[in-house]
Amino acid sequence: MAEQQGGGAIVGGTRDVDLNANDLQVESLARFAVDEHNKNENVTLEYKRLLGAKTQVVAGTMHHLTVEVADGETKKVYEAKVLEKAWENLKQLESFNHLHDV
């Protein structure tokens, strides 16, 4: 059975992030995900914009980010998962998966 934290959030469940809140931290994580993917795969995707974001409390916070990138002339949408553990100063790209072309 899932436990509840203050504010009614279910531990382990995801919650939507309000992109209209102009959250620079989430934008920064999206840019980090694209940069890490570029380094890991030796590609040059260009970050365009954040389309959606959710967070999930795990052993830290898992950020589920939907980002639009440019691959040359083609725009593509990816889902990135970034694990963040602020107390360890850790930020790690867990996955970066192509969803579709725009």
PDB file of N, CA and C in Angstrom:
ATOM      1  N   MET A   1       0.843  -1.182   0.000  1.00  0.00           N
ATOM      2  CA  MET A   1       0.000   0.000   0.000  1.00  0.00           C
ATOM      3  C   MET A   1       0.885   1.241   0.000  1.00  0.00           C
ATOM      4  N   ALA A   2       0.584   2.190  -0.833  1.00  0.00           N
ATOM      5  CA  ALA A   2       1.395   3.409  -0.944  1.00  0.00           C
ATOM      6  C   ALA A   2       1.184   4.307   0.262  1.00  0.00           C
ATOM      7  N   GLU A   3       2.299   4.855   0.743  1.00  0.00           N
ATOM      8  CA  GLU A   3       2.223   5.795   1.857  1.00  0.00           C
ATOM      9  C   GLU A   3       1.962   7.180   1.305  1.00  0.00           C
ATOM     10  N   GLN A   4       1.409   8.045   2.145  1.00  0.00           N
ATOM     11  CA  GLN A   4       1.196   9.417   1.730  1.00  0.00           C
ATOM     12  C   GLN A   4       2.092  10.333   2.529  1.00  0.00           C
ATOM     13  N   GLN A   5       2.631  11.349   1.835  1.00  0.00           N
ATOM     14  CA  GLN A   5       3.415  12.384   2.484  1.00  0.00           C
ATOM     15  C   GLN A   5       2.507  13.582   2.699  1.00  0.00           C
ATOM     16  N   GLY A   6       3.042  14.600   3.369  1.00  0.00           N
ATOM     17  CA  GLY A   6       2.301  15.841   3.519  1.00  0.00           C
ATOM     18  C   GLY A   6       1.912  16.384   2.159  1.00  0.00           C
ATOM     19  N   GLY A   7       0.746  16.974   2.064  1.00  0.00           N
ATOM     20  CA  GLY A   7       0.281  17.509   0.796  1.00  0.00           C
ATOM     21  C   GLY A   7      -0.437  16.469  -0.046  1.00  0.00           C
ATOM     22  N   GLY A   8      -0.559  15.240   0.452  1.00  0.00           N
ATOM     23  CA  GLY A   8      -1.316  14.223  -0.241  1.00  0.00           C
ATOM     24  C   GLY A   8      -0.572  13.518  -1.360  1.00  0.00           C
ATOM     25  N   ALA A   9       0.715  13.808  -1.559  1.00  0.00           N
ATOM     26  CA  ALA A   9       1.478  13.150  -2.617  1.00  0.00           C
ATOM     27  C   ALA A   9       1.737  11.709  -2.232  1.00  0.00           C
ATOM     28  N   ILE A  10       1.596  10.812  -3.181  1.00  0.00           N
ATOM     29  CA  ILE A  10       1.860   9.401  -2.927  1.00  0.00           C
ATOM     30  C   ILE A  10       3.330   9.128  -3.203  1.00  0.00           C
ATOM     31  N   VAL A  11       4.026   8.562  -2.221  1.00  0.00           N
ATOM     32  CA  VAL A  11       5.429   8.229  -2.391  1.00  0.00           C
ATOM     33  C   VAL A  11       5.543   7.218  -3.510  1.00  0.00           C
ATOM     34  N   GLY A  12       6.418   7.499  -4.473  1.00  0.00           N
ATOM     35  CA  GLY A  12       6.599   6.613  -5.605  1.00  0.00           C
ATOM     36  C   GLY A  12       5.704   6.948  -6.779  1.00  0.00           C
ATOM     37  N   GLY A  13       4.657   7.740  -6.558  1.00  0.00           N
ATOM     38  CA  GLY A  13       3.779   8.155  -7.648  1.00  0.00           C
ATOM     39  C   GLY A  13       4.356   9.367  -8.363  1.00  0.00           C
ATOM     40  N   THR A  14       3.900   9.616  -9.586  1.00  0.00           N
ATOM     41  CA  THR A  14       4.376  10.786 -10.307  1.00  0.00           C
ATOM     42  C   THR A  14       3.393  11.932 -10.136  1.00  0.00           C
ATOM     43  N   ARG A  15       3.919  13.143 -10.261  1.00  0.00           N
ATOM     44  CA  ARG A  15       3.044  14.317 -10.254  1.00  0.00           C
ATOM     45  C   ARG A  15       3.486  15.237 -11.373  1.00  0.00           C
ATOM     46  N   ASP A  16       2.503  15.875 -12.002  1.00  0.00           N
ATOM     47  CA  ASP A  16       2.790  16.804 -13.081  1.00  0.00           C
ATOM     48  C   ASP A  16       3.458  18.053 -12.539  1.00  0.00           C
ATOM     49  N   VAL A  17       4.354  18.608 -13.337  1.00  0.00           N
ATOM     50  CA  VAL A  17       5.007  19.875 -13.020  1.00  0.00           C
ATOM     51  C   VAL A  17       4.341  20.939 -13.872  1.00  0.00           C
ATOM     52  N   ASP A  18       3.948  22.047 -13.255  1.00  0.00           N
ATOM     53  CA  ASP A  18       3.310  23.149 -13.972  1.00  0.00           C
ATOM     54  C   ASP A  18       4.370  23.911 -14.759  1.00  0.00           C
ATOM     55  N   LEU A  19       4.362  23.759 -16.080  1.00  0.00           N
ATOM     56  CA  LEU A  19       5.363  24.421 -16.911  1.00  0.00           C
ATOM     57  C   LEU A  19       5.146  25.924 -16.972  1.00  0.00           C
ATOM     58  N   ASN A  20       3.947  26.389 -16.647  1.00  0.00           N
ATOM     59  CA  ASN A  20       3.678  27.822 -16.631  1.00  0.00           C
ATOM     60  C   ASN A  20       4.290  28.505 -15.419  1.00  0.00           C
ATOM     61  N   ALA A  21       4.782  27.725 -14.481  1.00  0.00           N
ATOM     62  CA  ALA A  21       5.395  28.290 -13.275  1.00  0.00           C
ATOM     63  C   ALA A  21       6.800  28.817 -13.565  1.00  0.00           C
ATOM     64  N   ASN A  22       7.269  28.645 -14.814  1.00  0.00           N
ATOM     65  CA  ASN A  22       8.588  29.131 -15.229  1.00  0.00           C
ATOM     66  C   ASN A  22       9.678  28.586 -14.308  1.00  0.00           C
ATOM     67  N   ASP A  23       9.679  27.284 -14.118  1.00  0.00           N
ATOM     68  CA  ASP A  23      10.616  26.627 -13.216  1.00  0.00           C
ATOM     69  C   ASP A  23      11.967  26.454 -13.907  1.00  0.00           C
ATOM     70  N   LEU A  24      12.918  27.297 -13.547  1.00  0.00           N
ATOM     71  CA  LEU A  24      14.241  27.253 -14.174  1.00  0.00           C
ATOM     72  C   LEU A  24      14.981  25.965 -13.852  1.00  0.00           C
ATOM     73  N   GLN A  25      14.704  25.357 -12.703  1.00  0.00           N
ATOM     74  CA  GLN A  25      15.364  24.104 -12.346  1.00  0.00           C
ATOM     75  C   GLN A  25      14.962  22.998 -13.328  1.00  0.00           C
ATOM     76  N   VAL A  26      13.683  22.911 -13.654  1.00  0.00           N
ATOM     77  CA  VAL A  26      13.217  21.870 -14.573  1.00  0.00           C
ATOM     78  C   VAL A  26      13.775  22.127 -15.973  1.00  0.00           C
ATOM     79  N   GLU A  27      13.786  23.377 -16.403  1.00  0.00           N
ATOM     80  CA  GLU A  27      14.371  23.741 -17.703  1.00  0.00           C
ATOM     81  C   GLU A  27      15.855  23.357 -17.732  1.00  0.00           C
ATOM     82  N   SER A  28      16.550  23.612 -16.641  1.00  0.00           N
ATOM     83  CA  SER A  28      17.964  23.274 -16.538  1.00  0.00           C
ATOM     84  C   SER A  28      18.176  21.758 -16.636  1.00  0.00           C
ATOM     85  N   LEU A  29      17.297  20.982 -16.006  1.00  0.00           N
ATOM     86  CA  LEU A  29      17.395  19.525 -16.071  1.00  0.00           C
ATOM     87  C   LEU A  29      17.154  19.017 -17.487  1.00  0.00           C
ATOM     88  N   ALA A  30      16.239  19.648 -18.218  1.00  0.00           N
ATOM     89  CA  ALA A  30      15.973  19.248 -19.602  1.00  0.00           C
ATOM     90  C   ALA A  30      17.204  19.505 -20.473  1.00  0.00           C
ATOM     91  N   ARG A  31      17.821  20.665 -20.291  1.00  0.00           N
ATOM     92  CA  ARG A  31      19.040  20.979 -21.048  1.00  0.00           C
ATOM     93  C   ARG A  31      20.171  20.008 -20.676  1.00  0.00           C
ATOM     94  N   PHE A  32      20.273  19.691 -19.380  1.00  0.00           N
ATOM     95  CA  PHE A  32      21.268  18.725 -18.902  1.00  0.00           C
ATOM     96  C   PHE A  32      21.067  17.370 -19.590  1.00  0.00           C
ATOM     97  N   ALA A  33      19.811  16.916 -19.692  1.00  0.00           N
ATOM     98  CA  ALA A  33      19.521  15.619 -20.302  1.00  0.00           C
ATOM     99  C   ALA A  33      19.995  15.573 -21.752  1.00  0.00           C
ATOM    100  N   VAL A  34      19.710  16.636 -22.508  1.00  0.00           N
ATOM    101  CA  VAL A  34      20.136  16.680 -23.914  1.00  0.00           C
ATOM    102  C   VAL A  34      21.659  16.700 -24.001  1.00  0.00           C
ATOM    103  N   ASP A  35      22.305  17.527 -23.170  1.00  0.00           N
ATOM    104  CA  ASP A  35      23.775  17.600 -23.176  1.00  0.00           C
ATOM    105  C   ASP A  35      24.412  16.255 -22.837  1.00  0.00           C
ATOM    106  N   GLU A  36      23.872  15.576 -21.819  1.00  0.00           N
ATOM    107  CA  GLU A  36      24.420  14.271 -21.424  1.00  0.00           C
ATOM    108  C   GLU A  36      24.231  13.244 -22.541  1.00  0.00           C
ATOM    109  N   HIS A  37      23.052  13.247 -23.162  1.00  0.00           N
ATOM    110  CA  HIS A  37      22.801  12.319 -24.265  1.00  0.00           C
ATOM    111  C   HIS A  37      23.786  12.586 -25.399  1.00  0.00           C
ATOM    112  N   ASN A  38      24.008  13.856 -25.708  1.00  0.00           N
ATOM    113  CA  ASN A  38      24.957  14.200 -26.774  1.00  0.00           C
ATOM    114  C   ASN A  38      26.360  13.670 -26.461  1.00  0.00           C
ATOM    115  N   LYS A  39      26.792  13.843 -25.206  1.00  0.00           N
ATOM    116  CA  LYS A  39      28.123  13.348 -24.807  1.00  0.00           C
ATOM    117  C   LYS A  39      28.194  11.823 -24.877  1.00  0.00           C
ATOM    118  N   ASN A  40      27.175  11.160 -24.347  1.00  0.00           N
ATOM    119  CA  ASN A  40      27.170   9.695 -24.275  1.00  0.00           C
ATOM    120  C   ASN A  40      27.093   9.041 -25.647  1.00  0.00           C
ATOM    121  N   GLU A  41      26.349   9.657 -26.571  1.00  0.00           N
ATOM    122  CA  GLU A  41      26.118   9.040 -27.886  1.00  0.00           C
ATOM    123  C   GLU A  41      26.924   9.698 -29.000  1.00  0.00           C
ATOM    124  N   ASN A  42      27.713  10.729 -28.660  1.00  0.00           N
ATOM    125  CA  ASN A  42      28.519  11.459 -29.633  1.00  0.00           C
ATOM    126  C   ASN A  42      27.657  11.991 -30.786  1.00  0.00           C
ATOM    127  N   VAL A  43      26.553  12.658 -30.405  1.00  0.00           N
ATOM    128  CA  VAL A  43      25.642  13.281 -31.366  1.00  0.00           C
ATOM    129  C   VAL A  43      25.498  14.757 -31.010  1.00  0.00           C
ATOM    130  N   THR A  44      24.813  15.505 -31.852  1.00  0.00           N
ATOM    131  CA  THR A  44      24.662  16.942 -31.607  1.00  0.00           C
ATOM    132  C   THR A  44      23.205  17.375 -31.726  1.00  0.00           C
ATOM    133  N   LEU A  45      22.357  16.828 -30.859  1.00  0.00           N
ATOM    134  CA  LEU A  45      20.974  17.291 -30.803  1.00  0.00           C
ATOM    135  C   LEU A  45      20.967  18.677 -30.176  1.00  0.00           C
ATOM    136  N   GLU A  46      20.096  19.549 -30.673  1.00  0.00           N
ATOM    137  CA  GLU A  46      19.996  20.902 -30.139  1.00  0.00           C
ATOM    138  C   GLU A  46      18.697  21.041 -29.347  1.00  0.00           C
ATOM    139  N   TYR A  47      18.820  21.387 -28.070  1.00  0.00           N
ATOM    140  CA  TYR A  47      17.650  21.586 -27.220  1.00  0.00           C
ATOM    141  C   TYR A  47      16.792  22.717 -27.772  1.00  0.00           C
ATOM    142  N   LYS A  48      15.477  22.484 -27.888  1.00  0.00           N
ATOM    143  CA  LYS A  48      14.552  23.514 -28.361  1.00  0.00           C
ATOM    144  C   LYS A  48      13.627  23.981 -27.248  1.00  0.00           C
ATOM    145  N   ARG A  49      12.886  23.027 -26.643  1.00  0.00           N
ATOM    146  CA  ARG A  49      11.960  23.430 -25.578  1.00  0.00           C
ATOM    147  C   ARG A  49      11.494  22.227 -24.772  1.00  0.00           C
ATOM    148  N   LEU A  50      11.014  22.543 -23.582  1.00  0.00           N
ATOM    149  CA  LEU A  50      10.449  21.540 -22.685  1.00  0.00           C
ATOM    150  C   LEU A  50       8.961  21.445 -22.971  1.00  0.00           C
ATOM    151  N   LEU A  51       8.468  20.247 -23.259  1.00  0.00           N
ATOM    152  CA  LEU A  51       7.061  20.042 -23.594  1.00  0.00           C
ATOM    153  C   LEU A  51       6.241  19.572 -22.405  1.00  0.00           C
ATOM    154  N   GLY A  52       6.869  18.857 -21.483  1.00  0.00           N
ATOM    155  CA  GLY A  52       6.147  18.328 -20.332  1.00  0.00           C
ATOM    156  C   GLY A  52       7.118  17.833 -19.288  1.00  0.00           C
ATOM    157  N   ALA A  53       6.652  17.778 -18.042  1.00  0.00           N
ATOM    158  CA  ALA A  53       7.515  17.306 -16.955  1.00  0.00           C
ATOM    159  C   ALA A  53       6.678  16.703 -15.842  1.00  0.00           C
ATOM    160  N   LYS A  54       7.204  15.640 -15.273  1.00  0.00           N
ATOM    161  CA  LYS A  54       6.621  15.006 -14.089  1.00  0.00           C
ATOM    162  C   LYS A  54       7.760  14.690 -13.141  1.00  0.00           C
ATOM    163  N   THR A  55       7.463  14.632 -11.871  1.00  0.00           N
ATOM    164  CA  THR A  55       8.461  14.211 -10.893  1.00  0.00           C
ATOM    165  C   THR A  55       7.937  12.996 -10.148  1.00  0.00           C
ATOM    166  N   GLN A  56       8.875  12.202  -9.663  1.00  0.00           N
ATOM    167  CA  GLN A  56       8.551  10.995  -8.916  1.00  0.00           C
ATOM    168  C   GLN A  56       9.545  10.884  -7.774  1.00  0.00           C
ATOM    169  N   VAL A  57       9.024  10.742  -6.553  1.00  0.00           N
ATOM    170  CA  VAL A  57       9.892  10.583  -5.397  1.00  0.00           C
ATOM    171  C   VAL A  57      10.344   9.130  -5.341  1.00  0.00           C
ATOM    172  N   VAL A  58      11.660   8.937  -5.432  1.00  0.00           N
ATOM    173  CA  VAL A  58      12.283   7.613  -5.303  1.00  0.00           C
ATOM    174  C   VAL A  58      13.363   7.802  -4.246  1.00  0.00           C
ATOM    175  N   ALA A  59      14.515   7.183  -4.390  1.00  0.00           N
ATOM    176  CA  ALA A  59      15.647   7.494  -3.507  1.00  0.00           C
ATOM    177  C   ALA A  59      16.273   8.759  -4.084  1.00  0.00           C
ATOM    178  N   GLY A  60      15.571   9.856  -3.959  1.00  0.00           N
ATOM    179  CA  GLY A  60      15.879  11.118  -4.619  1.00  0.00           C
ATOM    180  C   GLY A  60      14.645  11.511  -5.404  1.00  0.00           C
ATOM    181  N   THR A  61      14.832  12.253  -6.473  1.00  0.00           N
ATOM    182  CA  THR A  61      13.710  12.641  -7.336  1.00  0.00           C
ATOM    183  C   THR A  61      14.022  12.240  -8.767  1.00  0.00           C
ATOM    184  N   MET A  62      13.090  11.488  -9.358  1.00  0.00           N
ATOM    185  CA  MET A  62      13.210  11.133 -10.766  1.00  0.00           C
ATOM    186  C   MET A  62      12.372  12.136 -11.544  1.00  0.00           C
ATOM    187  N   HIS A  63      13.013  12.819 -12.473  1.00  0.00           N
ATOM    188  CA  HIS A  63      12.324  13.786 -13.317  1.00  0.00           C
ATOM    189  C   HIS A  63      12.051  13.122 -14.664  1.00  0.00           C
ATOM    190  N   HIS A  64      10.783  13.085 -15.062  1.00  0.00           N
ATOM    191  CA  HIS A  64      10.366  12.556 -16.356  1.00  0.00           C
ATOM    192  C   HIS A  64      10.111  13.774 -17.240  1.00  0.00           C
ATOM    193  N   LEU A  65      10.961  13.981 -18.241  1.00  0.00           N
ATOM    194  CA  LEU A  65      10.915  15.194 -19.048  1.00  0.00           C
ATOM    195  C   LEU A  65      10.633  14.860 -20.505  1.00  0.00           C
ATOM    196  N   THR A  66       9.717  15.584 -21.113  1.00  0.00           N
ATOM    197  CA  THR A  66       9.460  15.443 -22.542  1.00  0.00           C
ATOM    198  C   THR A  66      10.047  16.675 -23.207  1.00  0.00           C
ATOM    199  N   VAL A  67      11.041  16.462 -24.072  1.00  0.00           N
ATOM    200  CA  VAL A  67      11.762  17.579 -24.673  1.00  0.00           C
ATOM    201  C   VAL A  67      11.709  17.510 -26.192  1.00  0.00           C
ATOM    202  N   GLU A  68      11.698  18.691 -26.782  1.00  0.00           N
ATOM    203  CA  GLU A  68      11.800  18.797 -28.236  1.00  0.00           C
ATOM    204  C   GLU A  68      13.220  19.221 -28.565  1.00  0.00           C
ATOM    205  N   VAL A  69      13.825  18.527 -29.526  1.00  0.00           N
ATOM    206  CA  VAL A  69      15.185  18.832 -29.956  1.00  0.00           C
ATOM    207  C   VAL A  69      15.212  18.941 -31.472  1.00  0.00           C
ATOM    208  N   ALA A  70      16.279  19.544 -31.985  1.00  0.00           N
ATOM    209  CA  ALA A  70      16.506  19.578 -33.432  1.00  0.00           C
ATOM    210  C   ALA A  70      17.679  18.662 -33.735  1.00  0.00           C
ATOM    211  N   ASP A  71      17.463  17.771 -34.689  1.00  0.00           N
ATOM    212  CA  ASP A  71      18.513  16.894 -35.198  1.00  0.00           C
ATOM    213  C   ASP A  71      18.722  17.319 -36.643  1.00  0.00           C
ATOM    214  N   GLY A  72      19.604  18.308 -36.822  1.00  0.00           N
ATOM    215  CA  GLY A  72      19.733  18.934 -38.141  1.00  0.00           C
ATOM    216  C   GLY A  72      18.468  19.720 -38.422  1.00  0.00           C
ATOM    217  N   GLU A  73      17.805  19.391 -39.521  1.00  0.00           N
ATOM    218  CA  GLU A  73      16.554  20.080 -39.891  1.00  0.00           C
ATOM    219  C   GLU A  73      15.319  19.401 -39.304  1.00  0.00           C
ATOM    220  N   THR A  74      15.491  18.224 -38.716  1.00  0.00           N
ATOM    221  CA  THR A  74      14.366  17.451 -38.200  1.00  0.00           C
ATOM    222  C   THR A  74      14.143  17.730 -36.719  1.00  0.00           C
ATOM    223  N   LYS A  75      12.896  18.035 -36.349  1.00  0.00           N
ATOM    224  CA  LYS A  75      12.554  18.192 -34.932  1.00  0.00           C
ATOM    225  C   LYS A  75      12.070  16.849 -34.419  1.00  0.00           C
ATOM    226  N   LYS A  76      12.557  16.502 -33.235  1.00  0.00           N
ATOM    227  CA  LYS A  76      12.213  15.218 -32.630  1.00  0.00           C
ATOM    228  C   LYS A  76      11.800  15.426 -31.186  1.00  0.00           C
ATOM    229  N   VAL A  77      10.996  14.499 -30.672  1.00  0.00           N
ATOM    230  CA  VAL A  77      10.559  14.539 -29.280  1.00  0.00           C
ATOM    231  C   VAL A  77      11.137  13.321 -28.565  1.00  0.00           C
ATOM    232  N   TYR A  78      11.738  13.574 -27.415  1.00  0.00           N
ATOM    233  CA  TYR A  78      12.332  12.524 -26.585  1.00  0.00           C
ATOM    234  C   TYR A  78      11.753  12.570 -25.182  1.00  0.00           C
ATOM    235  N   GLU A  79      11.766  11.411 -24.524  1.00  0.00           N
ATOM    236  CA  GLU A  79      11.467  11.367 -23.102  1.00  0.00           C
ATOM    237  C   GLU A  79      12.782  11.093 -22.390  1.00  0.00           C
ATOM    238  N   ALA A  80      13.112  11.978 -21.451  1.00  0.00           N
ATOM    239  CA  ALA A  80      14.335  11.822 -20.671  1.00  0.00           C
ATOM    240  C   ALA A  80      13.962  11.568 -19.224  1.00  0.00           C
ATOM    241  N   LYS A  81      14.757  10.750 -18.563  1.00  0.00           N
ATOM    242  CA  LYS A  81      14.608  10.536 -17.117  1.00  0.00           C
ATOM    243  C   LYS A  81      15.916  10.941 -16.465  1.00  0.00           C
ATOM    244  N   VAL A  82      15.824  11.897 -15.529  1.00  0.00           N
ATOM    245  CA  VAL A  82      16.997  12.397 -14.823  1.00  0.00           C
ATOM    246  C   VAL A  82      16.787  12.161 -13.335  1.00  0.00           C
ATOM    247  N   LEU A  83      17.731  11.458 -12.717  1.00  0.00           N
ATOM    248  CA  LEU A  83      17.700  11.217 -11.274  1.00  0.00           C
ATOM    249  C   LEU A  83      18.483  12.325 -10.594  1.00  0.00           C
ATOM    250  N   GLU A  84      17.866  12.906  -9.564  1.00  0.00           N
ATOM    251  CA  GLU A  84      18.520  13.979  -8.825  1.00  0.00           C
ATOM    252  C   GLU A  84      18.489  13.650  -7.335  1.00  0.00           C
ATOM    253  N   LYS A  85      19.660  13.724  -6.716  1.00  0.00           N
ATOM    254  CA  LYS A  85      19.799  13.559  -5.268  1.00  0.00           C
ATOM    255  C   LYS A  85      20.556  14.777  -4.769  1.00  0.00           C
ATOM    256  N   ALA A  86      19.815  15.808  -4.367  1.00  0.00           N
ATOM    257  CA  ALA A  86      20.414  17.087  -4.004  1.00  0.00           C
ATOM    258  C   ALA A  86      21.423  16.939  -2.860  1.00  0.00           C
ATOM    259  N   TRP A  87      21.122  16.087  -1.888  1.00  0.00           N
ATOM    260  CA  TRP A  87      22.008  15.938  -0.726  1.00  0.00           C
ATOM    261  C   TRP A  87      23.342  15.305  -1.096  1.00  0.00           C
ATOM    262  N   GLU A  88      23.419  14.633  -2.244  1.00  0.00           N
ATOM    263  CA  GLU A  88      24.680  14.055  -2.722  1.00  0.00           C
ATOM    264  C   GLU A  88      25.261  14.872  -3.875  1.00  0.00           C
ATOM    265  N   ASN A  89      24.589  15.973  -4.227  1.00  0.00           N
ATOM    266  CA  ASN A  89      24.982  16.791  -5.378  1.00  0.00           C
ATOM    267  C   ASN A  89      25.062  15.928  -6.637  1.00  0.00           C
ATOM    268  N   LEU A  90      24.086  15.020  -6.796  1.00  0.00           N
ATOM    269  CA  LEU A  90      24.055  14.076  -7.912  1.00  0.00           C
ATOM    270  C   LEU A  90      22.962  14.443  -8.901  1.00  0.00           C
ATOM    271  N   LYS A  91      23.304  14.425 -10.158  1.00  0.00           N
ATOM    272  CA  LYS A  91      22.362  14.594 -11.255  1.00  0.00           C
ATOM    273  C   LYS A  91      22.819  13.604 -12.323  1.00  0.00           C
ATOM    274  N   GLN A  92      21.928  12.678 -12.694  1.00  0.00           N
ATOM    275  CA  GLN A  92      22.335  11.584 -13.574  1.00  0.00           C
ATOM    276  C   GLN A  92      21.251  11.286 -14.603  1.00  0.00           C
ATOM    277  N   LEU A  93      21.635  11.200 -15.873  1.00  0.00           N
ATOM    278  CA  LEU A  93      20.702  10.826 -16.933  1.00  0.00           C
ATOM    279  C   LEU A  93      20.476   9.319 -16.876  1.00  0.00           C
ATOM    280  N   GLU A  94      19.227   8.914 -16.652  1.00  0.00           N
ATOM    281  CA  GLU A  94      18.887   7.488 -16.555  1.00  0.00           C
ATOM    282  C   GLU A  94      18.465   6.921 -17.902  1.00  0.00           C
ATOM    283  N   SER A  95      17.722   7.700 -18.691  1.00  0.00           N
ATOM    284  CA  SER A  95      17.319   7.234 -20.020  1.00  0.00           C
ATOM    285  C   SER A  95      16.985   8.438 -20.893  1.00  0.00           C
ATOM    286  N   PHE A  96      17.054   8.225 -22.204  1.00  0.00           N
ATOM    287  CA  PHE A  96      16.762   9.277 -23.181  1.00  0.00           C
ATOM    288  C   PHE A  96      16.233   8.567 -24.409  1.00  0.00           C
ATOM    289  N   ASN A  97      14.904   8.498 -24.545  1.00  0.00           N
ATOM    290  CA  ASN A  97      14.287   7.681 -25.577  1.00  0.00           C
ATOM    291  C   ASN A  97      13.502   8.511 -26.581  1.00  0.00           C
ATOM    292  N   HIS A  98      13.737   8.225 -27.863  1.00  0.00           N
ATOM    293  CA  HIS A  98      13.030   8.898 -28.951  1.00  0.00           C
ATOM    294  C   HIS A  98      11.564   8.469 -28.943  1.00  0.00           C
ATOM    295  N   LEU A  99      10.648   9.443 -28.935  1.00  0.00           N
ATOM    296  CA  LEU A  99       9.220   9.134 -28.988  1.00  0.00           C
ATOM    297  C   LEU A  99       8.685   9.246 -30.408  1.00  0.00           C
ATOM    298  N   HIS A 100       8.963  10.392 -31.063  1.00  0.00           N
ATOM    299  CA  HIS A 100       8.494  10.593 -32.440  1.00  0.00           C
ATOM    300  C   HIS A 100       9.130  11.848 -33.029  1.00  0.00           C
ATOM    301  N   ASP A 101       9.013  11.957 -34.348  1.00  0.00           N
ATOM    302  CA  ASP A 101       9.445  13.179 -35.038  1.00  0.00           C
ATOM    303  C   ASP A 101       8.271  14.138 -35.060  1.00  0.00           C
ATOM    304  N   VAL A 102       8.576  15.435 -35.157  1.00  0.00           N
ATOM    305  CA  VAL A 102       7.528  16.451 -35.178  1.00  0.00           C
ATOM    306  C   VAL A 102       7.189  16.784 -36.610  1.00  0.00           C
TER     307      VAL A 102
END
